[in-house]
């Protein structure tokens, strides 16, 4: 007799699944967009993120959507392509140039571990319908062409050697190549491929991507998403230890499928009553865009501040890298990653395994932003900026006997309770650059706080009731 399946293909059944503890403790993951689009590696630049959404179709700053841009004559991608490669050059002509000739999956995995990432999500097939594993459902795959190796399998093995969790991305609801998209033959094909990924690689996380326009393509019923998620949960060694994101289409009454929210190039500004994951590239694109310069990349300081802000508000940061076609991480991207990793080596205690405090944001008496995280009976006040001789964290009330320490400095710090907050003497300490973390035990009071307040509601079903309106 076959074992009982704990999840049915219904919203009500899937709604019982919760975010596993490992994901909530991880805080920092690496996203990887790598494929045929890494050969042209080009997208137009815009003055500000989000500007492209108000422009005609095809004007997209994401290099991984190069093939989509080619569908629109006179779009920036089409104009660039014709000038650079000629009108007769087809998208699939890039496949032999996607070689991964210098790719070292062990080095990637070792780097991700060294910088403090706790999980990795690899794009296995984007909207151009080119698969990075030896799928039996399509000949357009990296085992039969281009690199001629199992990119998914090779990286998964190396990531797990580093004891990191492995996630796999699949563009379920958006495809610009398959001739039967979005009809039933395409849905069956996509289901077969996703099940193949689940059965062959047993991912810890399944990351779908969605169609952003309002139409039948944004509905979960179009893609039979409930059945696919149930298959993944039920075929995991432990269904409670895996999870899916929220980009599977809307279920009934506008509610979303999935375990957590994924705002893109955006952040939630308060502590929401659900778990979430901010996702973005170091620059303006996910796939490598050779048109971007250092000015288009977030600085190490900006990355540190982004991570701290997201974690203080009950989220993870999934930070993307876009490798080159031959399998190298661009030097600027690696530099930024290593800078963030250096900060985490000293201050990771204030990030990993923490929860939101009673409030996420504060300030110093001189105007620097402060973010708070919590672990057991300790809070971490993370000051976003350079340290002076003293710092006053506004509105904190600290009782006698409280221990105040600086992460990365062995000795306890002298402090004084003032009417406007907690004054800490940093004159003997050596705070880290970009941001520094004060460990305060036991938890202080915050002025105007009411006894019994909690920082965040339970995760799980609460989030799904919000539909797509989760960004205030």
Protein backbone atom coordinates (compact mmCIF):
# COMPACT_ATOMS: atom_id res chain seq x y z
CA UNK A 1 0.00 0.00 0.00
CA UNK A 2 1.31 3.44 -0.94
CA UNK A 3 2.05 5.75 2.01
CA UNK A 4 -0.46 8.47 2.80
CA UNK A 5 0.16 11.81 1.14
CA UNK A 6 0.11 14.55 3.79
CA UNK A 7 -0.88 17.33 1.37
CA UNK A 8 -3.74 17.51 -1.12
CA UNK A 9 -3.75 19.74 -4.21
CA UNK A 10 -5.99 22.34 -2.61
CA UNK A 11 -5.33 25.77 -1.16
CA UNK A 12 -6.83 24.68 2.17
CA UNK A 13 -4.46 21.73 2.47
CA UNK A 14 -1.35 23.59 1.31
CA UNK A 15 -2.24 26.42 3.67
CA UNK A 16 -1.30 24.14 6.59
CA UNK A 17 2.35 24.16 5.53
CA UNK A 18 4.63 26.51 7.43
CA UNK A 19 8.04 28.13 6.91
CA UNK A 20 10.74 25.78 8.28
CA UNK A 21 12.98 27.01 11.05
CA UNK A 22 16.16 26.71 8.96
CA UNK A 23 14.84 29.25 6.46
CA UNK A 24 13.82 31.73 9.15
CA UNK A 25 17.24 31.39 10.76
CA UNK A 26 19.23 31.59 7.50
CA UNK A 27 18.61 35.29 6.71
CA UNK A 28 20.95 35.41 3.70
CA UNK A 29 20.88 33.45 0.45
CA UNK A 30 22.45 33.68 -3.00
CA UNK A 31 20.38 33.73 -6.20
CA UNK A 32 22.08 32.75 -9.50
CA UNK A 33 20.81 33.78 -12.95
CA UNK A 34 22.91 32.02 -15.57
CA UNK A 35 22.02 30.80 -19.04
CA UNK A 36 22.01 31.59 -22.76
CA UNK A 37 21.27 35.23 -21.91
CA UNK A 38 24.69 35.39 -20.22
CA UNK A 39 26.26 35.44 -23.70
CA UNK A 40 24.86 38.77 -25.00
CA UNK A 41 24.73 39.91 -21.35
CA UNK A 42 23.02 43.16 -22.14
CA UNK A 43 20.00 45.19 -21.09
CA UNK A 44 19.23 48.92 -21.29
CA UNK A 45 20.00 51.08 -18.30
CA UNK A 46 17.38 53.28 -16.66
CA UNK A 47 17.63 56.31 -14.45
CA UNK A 48 15.85 54.57 -11.60
CA UNK A 49 14.63 51.09 -10.75
CA UNK A 50 11.02 50.52 -11.75
CA UNK A 51 11.01 53.14 -14.50
CA UNK A 52 10.80 50.44 -17.18
CA UNK A 53 7.39 49.25 -15.98
CA UNK A 54 5.80 52.41 -17.37
CA UNK A 55 7.32 51.96 -20.81
CA UNK A 56 6.39 49.85 -23.85
CA UNK A 57 6.89 46.08 -23.70
CA UNK A 58 10.44 45.04 -24.43
CA UNK A 59 12.06 47.93 -22.53
CA UNK A 60 13.33 45.82 -19.64
CA UNK A 61 16.52 46.31 -17.59
CA UNK A 62 16.84 42.58 -16.85
CA UNK A 63 19.49 40.92 -19.04
CA UNK A 64 17.92 37.48 -18.47
CA UNK A 65 14.94 38.71 -20.54
CA UNK A 66 17.06 39.43 -23.62
CA UNK A 67 15.06 36.87 -25.63
CA UNK A 68 11.82 38.53 -24.57
CA UNK A 69 13.10 41.93 -25.67
CA UNK A 70 13.92 40.55 -29.13
CA UNK A 71 10.24 39.87 -29.69
CA UNK A 72 9.53 43.61 -29.84
CA UNK A 73 10.86 45.27 -32.96
CA UNK A 74 12.59 48.56 -32.23
CA UNK A 75 12.83 47.81 -28.51
CA UNK A 76 16.24 48.72 -26.99
CA UNK A 77 17.23 45.04 -26.97
CA UNK A 78 16.23 44.57 -30.62
CA UNK A 79 18.14 47.68 -31.68
CA UNK A 80 21.24 46.61 -29.77
CA UNK A 81 21.02 43.07 -31.15
CA UNK A 82 20.75 44.11 -34.78
CA UNK A 83 23.65 46.52 -34.44
CA UNK A 84 25.86 44.05 -32.56
CA UNK A 85 24.98 40.71 -34.17
CA UNK A 86 22.84 41.45 -37.22
CA UNK A 87 19.16 40.84 -37.92
CA UNK A 88 19.75 37.27 -39.11
CA UNK A 89 21.37 36.19 -35.83
CA UNK A 90 18.83 34.18 -33.83
CA UNK A 91 18.64 33.82 -30.06
CA UNK A 92 19.54 30.13 -30.24
CA UNK A 93 22.71 31.02 -32.10
CA UNK A 94 24.03 32.05 -28.68
CA UNK A 95 23.81 28.46 -27.36
CA UNK A 96 27.25 27.27 -28.61
CA UNK A 97 28.73 30.41 -27.01
CA UNK A 98 27.33 29.49 -23.60
CA UNK A 99 30.31 27.30 -22.72
CA UNK A 100 30.87 27.44 -18.94
CA UNK A 101 34.48 26.73 -19.97
CA UNK A 102 35.98 28.27 -16.83
CA UNK A 103 33.28 27.21 -14.41
CA UNK A 104 34.34 25.75 -11.08
CA UNK A 105 31.21 24.83 -9.10
CA UNK A 106 33.31 23.99 -6.03
CA UNK A 107 34.76 27.50 -5.99
CA UNK A 108 31.29 29.03 -6.24
CA UNK A 109 30.01 26.95 -3.35
CA UNK A 110 33.09 27.66 -1.23
CA UNK A 111 32.71 31.39 -1.87
CA UNK A 112 29.02 31.38 -0.93
CA UNK A 113 29.85 29.54 2.28
CA UNK A 114 32.77 31.86 3.07
CA UNK A 115 30.68 35.02 2.77
CA UNK A 116 28.03 33.70 5.13
CA UNK A 117 25.20 32.69 2.78
CA UNK A 118 23.10 29.88 4.21
CA UNK A 119 21.28 28.81 1.06
CA UNK A 120 21.60 29.03 -2.73
CA UNK A 121 18.87 29.28 -5.39
CA UNK A 122 19.91 28.41 -8.95
CA UNK A 123 17.83 29.34 -12.00
CA UNK A 124 17.40 25.98 -13.70
CA UNK A 125 15.25 27.25 -16.58
CA UNK A 126 14.22 30.81 -17.25
CA UNK A 127 11.61 32.10 -19.69
CA UNK A 128 13.80 31.22 -22.70
CA UNK A 129 13.02 27.54 -22.04
CA UNK A 130 16.68 26.44 -21.93
CA UNK A 131 17.28 23.92 -19.15
CA UNK A 132 20.50 23.61 -17.17
CA UNK A 133 20.09 19.90 -16.46
CA UNK A 134 19.75 16.80 -18.70
CA UNK A 135 15.96 16.89 -18.91
CA UNK A 136 14.36 14.16 -20.96
CA UNK A 137 11.52 16.49 -21.96
CA UNK A 138 13.51 18.89 -24.15
CA UNK A 139 16.65 18.79 -26.25
CA UNK A 140 17.27 22.45 -25.45
CA UNK A 141 19.39 21.76 -22.42
CA UNK A 142 22.93 22.30 -21.19
CA UNK A 143 23.77 18.60 -21.22
CA UNK A 144 23.18 18.24 -24.97
CA UNK A 145 24.45 21.67 -26.05
CA UNK A 146 26.51 24.60 -24.82
CA UNK A 147 28.39 23.46 -21.69
CA UNK A 148 27.45 19.80 -22.21
CA UNK A 149 27.24 19.06 -18.51
CA UNK A 150 24.66 18.85 -15.76
CA UNK A 151 25.00 22.33 -14.30
CA UNK A 152 22.21 21.80 -11.78
CA UNK A 153 23.59 18.52 -10.51
CA UNK A 154 27.18 19.68 -10.34
CA UNK A 155 26.39 22.83 -8.36
CA UNK A 156 23.88 21.09 -6.09
CA UNK A 157 26.51 18.54 -5.08
CA UNK A 158 29.09 21.22 -4.26
CA UNK A 159 26.62 23.41 -2.37
CA UNK A 160 25.64 20.49 -0.17
CA UNK A 161 29.29 19.69 0.51
CA UNK A 162 29.41 23.15 2.10
CA UNK A 163 26.35 22.24 4.23
CA UNK A 164 24.23 24.92 2.59
CA UNK A 165 20.60 24.45 1.60
CA UNK A 166 19.88 24.20 -2.14
CA UNK A 167 16.96 25.84 -3.90
CA UNK A 168 15.93 25.51 -7.53
CA UNK A 169 14.15 28.19 -9.59
CA UNK A 170 11.86 27.34 -12.50
CA UNK A 171 9.95 29.90 -14.58
CA UNK A 172 6.57 28.19 -14.50
CA UNK A 173 4.13 30.89 -15.54
CA UNK A 174 6.22 32.85 -18.03
CA UNK A 175 7.80 31.41 -21.17
CA UNK A 176 8.74 33.21 -24.39
CA UNK A 177 9.93 30.19 -26.39
CA UNK A 178 7.65 27.16 -26.00
CA UNK A 179 5.19 27.09 -28.91
CA UNK A 180 2.28 25.81 -26.79
CA UNK A 181 2.60 28.30 -23.96
CA UNK A 182 0.32 28.93 -22.03
CA UNK A 183 -1.91 26.03 -23.09
CA UNK A 184 -2.34 22.56 -21.61
CA UNK A 185 0.57 20.88 -23.46
CA UNK A 186 2.91 23.51 -22.02
CA UNK A 187 1.50 23.05 -18.51
CA UNK A 188 2.02 19.29 -18.74
CA UNK A 189 5.56 19.84 -20.02
CA UNK A 190 6.38 22.28 -17.21
CA UNK A 191 4.96 19.93 -14.59
CA UNK A 192 7.06 17.08 -15.93
CA UNK A 193 10.21 19.19 -15.77
CA UNK A 194 9.57 20.45 -12.25
CA UNK A 195 8.84 16.91 -11.05
CA UNK A 196 12.07 15.82 -12.70
CA UNK A 197 13.96 18.46 -10.71
CA UNK A 198 12.26 17.38 -7.50
CA UNK A 199 12.95 13.69 -8.08
CA UNK A 200 16.56 14.05 -9.25
CA UNK A 201 17.88 16.78 -6.96
CA UNK A 202 15.55 16.87 -3.91
CA UNK A 203 15.71 20.67 -3.51
CA UNK A 204 15.14 22.24 -0.12
CA UNK A 205 13.34 25.18 -1.72
CA UNK A 206 11.35 25.45 -4.95
CA UNK A 207 11.24 28.97 -6.38
CA UNK A 208 8.70 29.67 -9.12
CA UNK A 209 8.45 32.90 -11.08
CA UNK A 210 5.24 34.49 -12.21
CA UNK A 211 3.68 36.46 -15.01
CA UNK A 212 3.37 40.02 -13.78
CA UNK A 213 0.44 41.16 -15.94
CA UNK A 214 -3.17 40.77 -14.87
CA UNK A 215 -4.67 38.00 -17.00
CA UNK A 216 -5.51 34.34 -16.84
CA UNK A 217 -1.74 33.75 -16.74
CA UNK A 218 -1.66 35.18 -13.22
CA UNK A 219 -4.09 32.53 -11.90
CA UNK A 220 -2.88 29.39 -10.16
CA UNK A 221 -5.67 27.42 -11.85
CA UNK A 222 -4.09 28.10 -15.26
CA UNK A 223 -0.94 26.27 -14.16
CA UNK A 224 -2.48 23.67 -11.83
CA UNK A 225 -0.01 25.00 -9.29
CA UNK A 226 -1.65 23.37 -6.28
CA UNK A 227 -0.88 19.91 -7.68
CA UNK A 228 2.76 20.78 -8.34
CA UNK A 229 3.33 22.20 -4.84
CA UNK A 230 1.65 19.19 -3.26
CA UNK A 231 3.89 16.89 -5.30
CA UNK A 232 6.97 18.70 -4.01
CA UNK A 233 5.88 18.62 -0.36
CA UNK A 234 4.81 14.99 -0.54
CA UNK A 235 8.02 13.80 -2.21
CA UNK A 236 10.35 15.52 0.24
CA UNK A 237 12.15 13.38 2.83
CA UNK A 238 10.50 15.65 5.41
CA UNK A 239 7.76 17.92 4.05
CA UNK A 240 8.14 20.24 7.06
CA UNK A 241 11.74 21.01 6.05
CA UNK A 242 11.07 22.26 2.52
CA UNK A 243 9.23 25.32 1.23
CA UNK A 244 8.05 27.21 -1.83
CA UNK A 245 7.86 30.93 -2.60
CA UNK A 246 4.71 32.82 -3.57
CA UNK A 247 4.97 33.07 -7.37
CA UNK A 248 2.64 30.30 -8.49
CA UNK A 249 -0.35 32.40 -9.47
CA UNK A 250 -3.27 33.58 -7.39
CA UNK A 251 -5.61 31.05 -5.87
CA UNK A 252 -9.26 31.68 -5.00
CA UNK A 253 -10.29 35.16 -3.87
CA UNK A 254 -6.89 36.58 -4.78
CA UNK A 255 -5.04 34.65 -2.09
CA UNK A 256 -1.57 33.46 -2.93
CA UNK A 257 -0.03 30.02 -2.90
CA UNK A 258 3.32 29.60 -1.21
CA UNK A 259 5.03 29.84 2.15
CA UNK A 260 6.47 33.35 2.07
CA UNK A 261 6.40 36.64 0.14
CA UNK A 262 9.04 37.76 -2.40
CA UNK A 263 9.07 41.50 -3.14
CA UNK A 264 11.53 42.24 -5.95
CA UNK A 265 13.77 45.32 -5.86
CA UNK A 266 11.54 46.47 -3.04
CA UNK A 267 11.33 46.07 0.70
CA UNK A 268 8.61 45.91 3.30
CA UNK A 269 8.76 48.99 5.47
CA UNK A 270 7.25 47.60 8.70
CA UNK A 271 7.38 44.29 10.58
CA UNK A 272 4.73 42.24 8.76
CA UNK A 273 2.86 39.31 10.31
CA UNK A 274 4.38 36.86 7.80
CA UNK A 275 7.81 35.83 6.61
CA UNK A 276 9.29 37.31 3.43
CA UNK A 277 12.38 37.42 1.26
CA UNK A 278 13.71 40.53 -0.48
CA UNK A 279 15.29 39.63 -3.80
CA UNK A 280 17.43 41.76 -6.11
CA UNK A 281 20.70 41.86 -8.00
CA UNK A 282 23.79 43.70 -6.84
CA UNK A 283 23.13 45.92 -9.85
CA UNK A 284 19.87 46.62 -11.69
CA UNK A 285 19.74 43.25 -13.46
CA UNK A 286 19.64 39.63 -12.34
CA UNK A 287 21.43 38.20 -15.38
CA UNK A 288 24.89 39.64 -16.01
CA UNK A 289 24.61 43.00 -17.80
CA UNK A 290 27.91 44.15 -19.25
CA UNK A 291 26.46 47.64 -19.74
CA UNK A 292 26.41 48.16 -15.98
CA UNK A 293 29.37 49.91 -14.36
CA UNK A 294 30.45 50.20 -10.74
CA UNK A 295 28.05 53.12 -10.37
CA UNK A 296 25.15 50.74 -11.05
CA UNK A 297 26.18 48.33 -8.27
CA UNK A 298 25.26 48.62 -4.62
CA UNK A 299 28.28 49.42 -2.46
CA UNK A 300 29.33 47.07 0.33
CA UNK A 301 27.86 49.56 2.80
CA UNK A 302 24.54 49.63 0.94
CA UNK A 303 24.44 45.81 0.96
CA UNK A 304 25.13 45.70 4.69
CA UNK A 305 22.38 48.24 5.37
CA UNK A 306 19.97 46.36 3.10
CA UNK A 307 20.57 43.04 4.83
CA UNK A 308 20.21 44.56 8.29
CA UNK A 309 17.01 46.39 7.36
CA UNK A 310 15.38 43.29 5.86
CA UNK A 311 16.31 41.04 8.79
CA UNK A 312 15.00 43.58 11.32
CA UNK A 313 11.62 43.34 9.59
CA UNK A 314 11.19 39.56 9.63
CA UNK A 315 12.77 38.80 6.27
CA UNK A 316 15.64 37.17 4.40
CA UNK A 317 17.81 38.72 1.70
CA UNK A 318 18.21 36.66 -1.49
CA UNK A 319 21.01 38.50 -3.25
CA UNK A 320 21.59 37.67 -6.90
CA UNK A 321 24.81 37.12 -8.82
CA UNK A 322 24.97 37.01 -12.61
CA UNK A 323 27.93 34.96 -13.90
CA UNK A 324 29.47 35.34 -17.34
CA UNK A 325 28.85 32.81 -20.08
CA UNK A 326 32.12 31.03 -19.34
CA UNK A 327 31.20 30.58 -15.68
CA UNK A 328 33.08 33.34 -13.89
CA UNK A 329 31.64 35.71 -11.33
CA UNK A 330 32.37 39.30 -12.42
CA UNK A 331 35.07 40.86 -10.25
CA UNK A 332 32.85 43.69 -9.00
CA UNK A 333 30.17 41.25 -7.88
CA UNK A 334 32.67 39.08 -6.04
CA UNK A 335 34.22 42.13 -4.39
CA UNK A 336 30.83 43.20 -3.06
CA UNK A 337 30.07 39.70 -1.80
CA UNK A 338 33.36 39.43 0.04
CA UNK A 339 32.83 42.83 1.63
CA UNK A 340 29.42 41.78 2.92
CA UNK A 341 30.90 38.50 4.13
CA UNK A 342 33.65 40.29 6.05
CA UNK A 343 31.01 42.32 7.91
CA UNK A 344 29.00 39.19 8.69
CA UNK A 345 32.00 37.39 10.14
CA UNK A 346 32.09 39.94 12.95
CA UNK A 347 28.41 40.77 13.24
CA UNK A 348 26.60 37.61 12.20
CA UNK A 349 25.41 37.01 15.75
CA UNK A 350 23.03 39.96 15.26
CA UNK A 351 21.68 38.46 12.02
CA UNK A 352 21.48 34.65 12.00
CA UNK A 353 18.78 33.02 14.06
CA UNK A 354 17.32 36.33 15.20
CA UNK A 355 13.76 37.56 15.28
CA UNK A 356 12.25 41.05 15.03
CA UNK A 357 12.11 43.04 18.23
CA UNK A 358 9.16 45.15 19.40
CA UNK A 359 10.12 47.67 16.71
CA UNK A 360 12.51 47.49 13.77
CA UNK A 361 13.72 51.06 13.48
CA UNK A 362 15.35 53.57 15.78
CA UNK A 363 17.83 56.42 15.63
CA UNK A 364 20.80 57.84 17.42
CA UNK A 365 20.81 61.31 18.95
CA UNK A 366 22.93 62.49 16.00
CA UNK A 367 20.59 61.09 13.37
CA UNK A 368 22.11 57.76 12.34
CA UNK A 369 19.56 55.04 11.56
CA UNK A 370 19.35 52.06 13.93
CA UNK A 371 17.84 48.64 13.31
CA UNK A 372 16.94 46.14 16.04
CA UNK A 373 17.01 42.35 16.08
CA UNK A 374 16.40 39.97 18.98
CA UNK A 375 17.60 36.58 20.20
CA UNK A 376 16.38 35.09 23.48
CA UNK A 377 16.68 37.87 26.09
CA UNK A 378 19.17 39.93 24.08
CA UNK A 379 18.57 42.67 21.57
CA UNK A 380 21.02 43.92 18.99
CA UNK A 381 21.02 47.62 18.16
CA UNK A 382 22.71 47.90 14.77
CA UNK A 383 23.82 51.45 13.96
CA UNK A 384 23.96 52.08 10.21
CA UNK A 385 27.00 54.27 9.89
CA UNK A 386 30.45 55.04 11.25
CA UNK A 387 31.09 55.22 14.98
CA UNK A 388 32.23 58.19 17.00
CA UNK A 389 33.52 58.33 20.56
CA UNK A 390 30.01 57.97 21.98
CA UNK A 391 26.58 56.99 20.70
CA UNK A 392 23.14 57.57 22.18
CA UNK A 393 20.40 55.19 21.11
CA UNK A 394 17.23 57.22 21.49
CA UNK A 395 14.26 56.04 23.54
CA UNK A 396 15.97 52.99 25.12
CA UNK A 397 15.58 52.51 28.87
CA UNK A 398 18.21 50.21 30.35
CA UNK A 399 18.03 48.90 33.95
CA UNK A 400 20.97 48.68 36.31
CA UNK A 401 23.12 45.61 35.71
CA UNK A 402 22.54 45.50 31.94
CA UNK A 403 25.46 44.27 29.83
CA UNK A 404 26.28 46.32 26.73
CA UNK A 405 28.90 44.91 24.38
CA UNK A 406 30.14 45.67 20.89
CA UNK A 407 30.29 42.67 18.58
CA UNK A 408 33.91 42.15 17.63
CA UNK A 409 35.24 43.74 20.85
CA UNK A 410 35.91 41.57 23.90
CA UNK A 411 35.42 44.01 26.76
CA UNK A 412 32.08 45.28 28.09
CA UNK A 413 31.28 48.91 27.30
CA UNK A 414 30.57 51.70 29.75
CA UNK A 415 27.08 53.13 29.43
CA UNK A 416 24.84 55.71 31.05
CA UNK A 417 21.08 56.07 31.08
CA UNK A 418 20.02 59.53 29.90
CA UNK A 419 16.61 61.06 29.62
CA UNK A 420 16.74 60.79 25.83
CA UNK A 421 18.12 57.24 25.66
CA UNK A 422 21.10 54.97 26.19
CA UNK A 423 24.53 56.61 25.99
CA UNK A 424 27.33 54.14 25.20
CA UNK A 425 31.04 54.93 25.41
CA UNK A 426 32.84 53.66 22.29
CA UNK A 427 36.15 55.41 22.88
CA UNK A 428 38.03 52.18 23.64
CA UNK A 429 36.28 50.04 21.06
CA UNK A 430 36.96 49.38 17.40
CA UNK A 431 33.58 49.26 15.63
CA UNK A 432 33.30 47.69 12.20
CA UNK A 433 32.88 49.95 9.21
CA UNK A 434 29.53 50.36 7.44
CA UNK A 435 27.55 49.43 10.57
CA UNK A 436 28.28 48.28 14.12
CA UNK A 437 26.28 46.16 16.52
CA UNK A 438 25.59 46.69 20.21
CA UNK A 439 24.57 43.57 22.14
CA UNK A 440 22.25 44.54 25.01
CA UNK A 441 21.28 41.96 27.66
CA UNK A 442 18.67 41.74 29.08
CA UNK A 443 16.26 43.41 26.70
CA UNK A 444 15.80 47.12 27.43
CA UNK A 445 12.52 48.94 27.45
CA UNK A 446 11.62 51.29 24.67
CA UNK A 447 9.84 54.47 25.71
CA UNK A 448 6.08 54.38 25.13
CA UNK A 449 6.09 50.58 24.82
CA UNK A 450 3.16 48.77 26.36
CA UNK A 451 3.70 45.62 28.39
CA UNK A 452 2.90 42.44 26.49
CA UNK A 453 3.34 43.69 22.94
CA UNK A 454 4.91 41.26 20.50
CA UNK A 455 7.10 42.16 17.56
CA UNK A 456 5.55 39.88 14.98
CA UNK A 457 2.59 37.57 14.58
CA UNK A 458 3.11 33.85 13.87
CA UNK A 459 4.24 32.82 10.41
CA UNK A 460 2.32 30.54 8.11
CA UNK A 461 -1.32 30.88 7.18
CA UNK A 462 -1.47 34.53 8.28
CA UNK A 463 0.65 35.61 5.32
CA UNK A 464 -1.57 33.97 2.73
CA UNK A 465 -4.62 35.95 3.78
CA UNK A 466 -2.96 39.13 2.50
CA UNK A 467 -3.15 38.20 -1.16
CA UNK A 468 -0.74 40.30 -3.20
CA UNK A 469 -1.11 43.44 -1.06
CA UNK A 470 1.79 42.78 1.26
CA UNK A 471 3.89 45.88 0.64
CA UNK A 472 2.51 48.84 2.65
